[in-house]
Protein backbone atom coordinates (compact mmCIF):
# COMPACT_ATOMS: atom_id res chain seq x y z
CA MET A 1 -22.25 -16.99 6.71
CA HIS A 2 -21.92 -13.18 6.85
CA THR A 3 -21.82 -13.25 10.67
CA ARG A 4 -19.03 -15.80 10.67
CA ILE A 5 -16.98 -13.92 8.11
CA SER A 6 -17.42 -10.60 9.92
CA SER A 7 -16.18 -12.19 13.13
CA LEU A 8 -12.89 -13.02 11.41
CA LEU A 9 -12.03 -9.45 10.40
CA PRO A 10 -10.50 -8.38 13.76
CA ALA A 11 -8.29 -11.48 13.70
CA CYS A 12 -7.10 -10.67 10.20
CA ALA A 13 -6.36 -7.05 11.10
CA LEU A 14 -4.31 -8.29 14.03
CA LEU A 15 -2.57 -10.79 11.77
CA ALA A 16 -1.60 -8.07 9.29
CA GLY A 17 -0.09 -6.05 12.10
CA LEU A 18 1.79 -8.86 13.82
CA VAL A 19 3.09 -11.03 10.97
CA ALA A 20 6.03 -9.49 9.12
CA ILE A 21 6.41 -10.29 5.46
CA ALA A 22 8.93 -13.11 5.39
CA PRO A 23 11.44 -13.90 2.66
CA SER A 24 10.02 -16.60 0.41
CA ALA A 25 11.88 -19.90 0.34
CA ALA A 26 10.84 -20.46 -3.27
CA LEU A 27 12.28 -17.52 -5.18
CA ALA A 28 13.75 -19.26 -8.24
CA GLN A 29 12.16 -17.50 -11.20
CA ASP A 30 12.80 -16.51 -14.79
CA ALA A 31 15.42 -13.75 -14.72
CA THR A 32 13.75 -12.12 -17.73
CA ALA A 33 10.42 -11.66 -15.91
CA PRO A 34 9.33 -8.00 -15.64
CA LEU A 35 8.94 -8.38 -11.88
CA VAL A 36 10.13 -10.97 -9.38
CA LEU A 37 8.78 -12.05 -6.01
CA THR A 38 11.21 -11.11 -3.25
CA ALA A 39 9.13 -11.86 -0.13
CA ALA A 40 5.77 -13.41 0.63
CA ARG A 41 3.43 -14.58 3.34
CA VAL A 42 0.07 -16.36 2.99
CA SER A 43 -2.07 -16.89 6.08
CA ILE A 44 -5.39 -18.50 6.96
CA ALA A 45 -7.36 -17.15 9.92
CA GLY A 46 -10.47 -18.72 11.39
CA THR A 47 -12.43 -19.44 14.52
CA SER A 48 -13.31 -22.59 16.41
CA ASN A 49 -15.44 -23.64 19.35
CA VAL A 50 -12.39 -22.85 21.51
CA ASP A 51 -10.63 -19.80 20.07
CA GLN A 52 -9.29 -18.14 16.95
CA PHE A 53 -6.58 -19.89 14.95
CA ILE A 54 -4.02 -18.87 12.35
CA ALA A 55 -1.91 -20.94 9.95
CA SER A 56 0.68 -19.41 7.65
CA THR A 57 3.54 -20.09 5.24
CA ASN A 58 6.13 -18.20 3.22
CA GLU A 59 6.50 -21.05 0.71
CA VAL A 60 5.00 -19.06 -2.15
CA LYS A 61 6.05 -19.15 -5.79
CA LEU A 62 5.22 -16.65 -8.52
CA THR A 63 4.70 -18.91 -11.52
CA ARG A 64 3.40 -16.39 -14.05
CA LEU A 65 3.30 -12.62 -14.40
CA ALA A 66 2.56 -10.75 -17.63
CA LEU A 67 2.14 -7.00 -17.85
CA ALA A 68 -0.38 -5.25 -20.08
CA PRO A 69 1.18 -4.00 -23.35
CA LEU A 70 1.45 -0.33 -22.32
CA VAL A 71 2.89 -1.01 -18.84
CA ALA A 72 6.59 -0.31 -19.29
CA GLY A 73 9.30 2.29 -18.89
CA PRO A 74 10.80 4.03 -15.86
CA ASP A 75 7.39 4.42 -14.15
CA LEU A 76 6.62 0.70 -14.39
CA LEU A 77 6.27 0.10 -10.64
CA ASN A 78 3.69 2.87 -10.24
CA ALA A 79 1.85 1.64 -13.33
CA VAL A 80 1.60 -1.91 -11.95
CA VAL A 81 -0.62 -0.82 -9.04
CA ARG A 82 -3.30 0.55 -11.38
CA PRO A 83 -6.35 -1.34 -12.72
CA GLY A 84 -5.71 -3.18 -15.97
CA SER A 85 -1.95 -3.31 -15.46
CA LEU A 86 -1.67 -7.11 -15.49
CA ASP A 87 -2.61 -9.52 -18.24
CA ALA A 88 -1.70 -12.58 -16.18
CA PHE A 89 -0.73 -13.36 -12.60
CA GLU A 90 -0.42 -16.74 -10.89
CA ILE A 91 0.95 -17.81 -7.52
CA VAL A 92 1.36 -21.26 -6.00
CA VAL A 93 1.35 -22.00 -2.27
CA LYS A 94 2.63 -25.29 -0.87
CA ALA A 95 -0.31 -26.40 1.26
CA GLY A 96 1.79 -28.80 3.31
CA THR A 97 3.93 -25.94 4.62
CA LEU A 98 1.04 -24.16 6.34
CA THR A 99 1.69 -24.31 10.08
CA SER A 100 -0.17 -23.09 13.16
CA PRO A 101 0.82 -22.54 16.79
CA THR A 102 -2.38 -24.34 17.78
CA LYS A 103 -1.39 -27.69 19.26
CA GLY A 104 -2.36 -30.72 17.21
CA LEU A 105 -3.89 -28.72 14.34
CA ASP A 106 -1.23 -29.03 11.61
CA GLU A 107 -1.50 -32.72 10.71
CA ASN A 108 -5.29 -32.59 10.74
CA MET A 109 -5.19 -29.44 8.60
CA TRP A 110 -2.86 -31.08 6.04
CA LYS A 111 -5.13 -34.12 5.96
CA ALA A 112 -8.20 -31.92 5.42
CA LEU A 113 -6.38 -30.09 2.59
CA LYS A 114 -5.46 -33.45 1.01
CA THR A 115 -1.87 -32.30 0.64
CA ALA A 116 -0.58 -35.74 -0.36
CA GLN A 117 -2.86 -35.73 -3.42
CA TYR A 118 -3.04 -31.97 -4.05
CA PRO A 119 0.16 -30.33 -2.75
CA ASP A 120 -0.47 -26.93 -4.35
CA ILE A 121 -2.93 -24.13 -3.66
CA VAL A 122 -3.11 -22.05 -6.85
CA PHE A 123 -4.53 -18.59 -7.52
CA ARG A 124 -4.76 -17.69 -11.21
CA MET A 125 -5.88 -14.11 -11.91
CA THR A 126 -8.04 -13.37 -14.95
CA ARG A 127 -8.34 -9.60 -14.52
CA LEU A 128 -7.40 -6.73 -12.22
CA ASP A 129 -9.91 -3.92 -11.84
CA GLY A 130 -11.23 -1.48 -9.24
CA GLN A 131 -9.40 1.75 -8.58
CA PRO A 132 -5.92 2.75 -7.31
CA GLY A 133 -5.67 1.88 -3.63
CA ALA A 134 -8.70 -0.44 -3.78
CA LEU A 135 -8.08 -3.04 -6.46
CA ARG A 136 -9.94 -6.28 -7.09
CA ALA A 137 -8.15 -9.35 -8.41
CA ILE A 138 -10.69 -11.67 -10.04
CA GLY A 139 -9.60 -15.19 -10.84
CA THR A 140 -9.78 -18.84 -9.89
CA LEU A 141 -8.58 -20.37 -6.64
CA THR A 142 -7.81 -24.09 -6.53
CA ILE A 143 -7.65 -25.82 -3.15
CA ALA A 144 -7.60 -29.59 -2.60
CA GLY A 145 -8.25 -30.10 -6.30
CA VAL A 146 -11.44 -27.96 -6.32
CA GLU A 147 -11.51 -24.75 -8.38
CA ASN A 148 -13.80 -21.78 -7.66
CA GLU A 149 -13.93 -18.21 -8.93
CA VAL A 150 -13.00 -15.66 -6.28
CA THR A 151 -12.55 -11.90 -5.96
CA LEU A 152 -9.67 -10.74 -3.81
CA ASP A 153 -9.72 -7.26 -2.29
CA VAL A 154 -6.23 -5.88 -2.87
CA MET A 155 -4.20 -2.88 -1.74
CA ALA A 156 -0.99 -2.22 -3.67
CA ALA A 157 1.61 0.48 -3.18
CA ALA A 158 4.85 1.24 -5.03
CA ASN A 159 8.02 2.92 -3.87
CA ALA A 160 11.33 3.54 -5.62
CA SER A 161 12.26 -0.14 -5.88
CA THR A 162 9.38 -2.44 -4.89
CA VAL A 163 5.64 -3.01 -5.02
CA THR A 164 3.89 -4.25 -1.86
CA VAL A 165 0.60 -6.09 -2.33
CA ILE A 166 -1.74 -6.94 0.55
CA GLY A 167 -5.02 -8.71 -0.01
CA HIS A 168 -7.67 -10.92 1.53
CA VAL A 169 -10.63 -13.06 0.58
CA PRO A 170 -13.27 -14.79 2.77
CA LEU A 171 -13.90 -18.45 1.98
CA LEU A 172 -15.89 -21.44 3.16
CA MET A 173 -13.77 -24.59 3.46
CA THR A 174 -16.81 -26.65 2.54
CA ASP A 175 -16.94 -24.95 -0.89
CA TYR A 176 -13.68 -26.78 -1.62
CA GLY A 177 -14.81 -30.14 -0.30
CA ILE A 178 -12.78 -29.66 2.90
CA THR A 179 -13.97 -30.92 6.25
CA PRO A 180 -12.97 -28.28 8.84
CA PRO A 181 -10.01 -29.71 10.80
CA ALA A 182 -10.05 -30.48 14.50
CA GLY A 183 -7.33 -29.99 17.09
CA VAL A 184 -5.75 -32.55 19.38
CA PHE A 185 -8.23 -35.18 20.65
CA GLY A 186 -10.96 -33.39 18.71
CA PHE A 187 -11.53 -30.82 21.47
CA MET A 188 -11.04 -27.92 19.02
CA LYS A 189 -13.35 -27.91 16.00
CA ALA A 190 -12.89 -25.26 13.33
CA ASN A 191 -15.74 -23.32 11.74
CA PRO A 192 -15.86 -23.60 7.93
CA ALA A 193 -15.57 -19.81 7.40
CA ILE A 194 -11.98 -18.61 7.04
CA MET A 195 -10.14 -15.52 5.84
CA VAL A 196 -7.14 -15.96 3.53
CA THR A 197 -4.66 -13.08 3.73
CA PHE A 198 -1.58 -12.59 1.59
CA ASP A 199 1.36 -10.19 1.64
CA LEU A 200 3.68 -10.01 -1.37
CA VAL A 201 6.67 -7.86 -2.28
CA LEU A 202 7.60 -7.58 -5.96
CA ALA A 203 10.63 -5.88 -7.48
CA MET A 204 12.19 -5.32 -10.86
CA PRO A 205 14.93 -7.91 -11.52
CA ARG A 206 17.78 -5.43 -11.16
CA THR A 207 16.70 -4.66 -7.57
CA PHE A 208 16.42 -8.33 -6.62
CA THR A 209 19.17 -9.79 -4.44
CA ARG A 210 19.54 -13.35 -3.29
């Protein structure tokens, strides 16, 4: 398992460098929220008997965000990137919008993810700890109707108007009852070890433009 996961890290580093954070197509949120999601990208990188593969989407929705009681004021954005800053955080990814440039993979991937029955991939954070610049988001990840506890390694940085969050977590598809998908005619067969990478941009409501 460790060998497979380690082999994915170069692919994920390349992915982070090549894939720009795209505007999310699902930005409708409560205007009173302390922060809003302005752009997002979630990607899955893995290997197969043929090559590496990547699937990604920007159909990401921030469904819940609650700040800790003392996180407020003009320095709010800098405070958010510190451990203990969030009481609640939840995002939803539309599994059926994940797409890959690998020929013939998408439909098999959607079938493996059981998107007709379970259209949403949900991460629900229970706590944020670690240290500035190297945070850990601990919570539950639900894929294809199966929920597991995960720890996401997170880097977060604030500027004058936004907070950028980049994170990743290694997973085994089989832990979620998923049969690794195959490509066209079954020639490409995916390994169960994958790396999920996410890029989010958050802003205070007054800086958010549609």
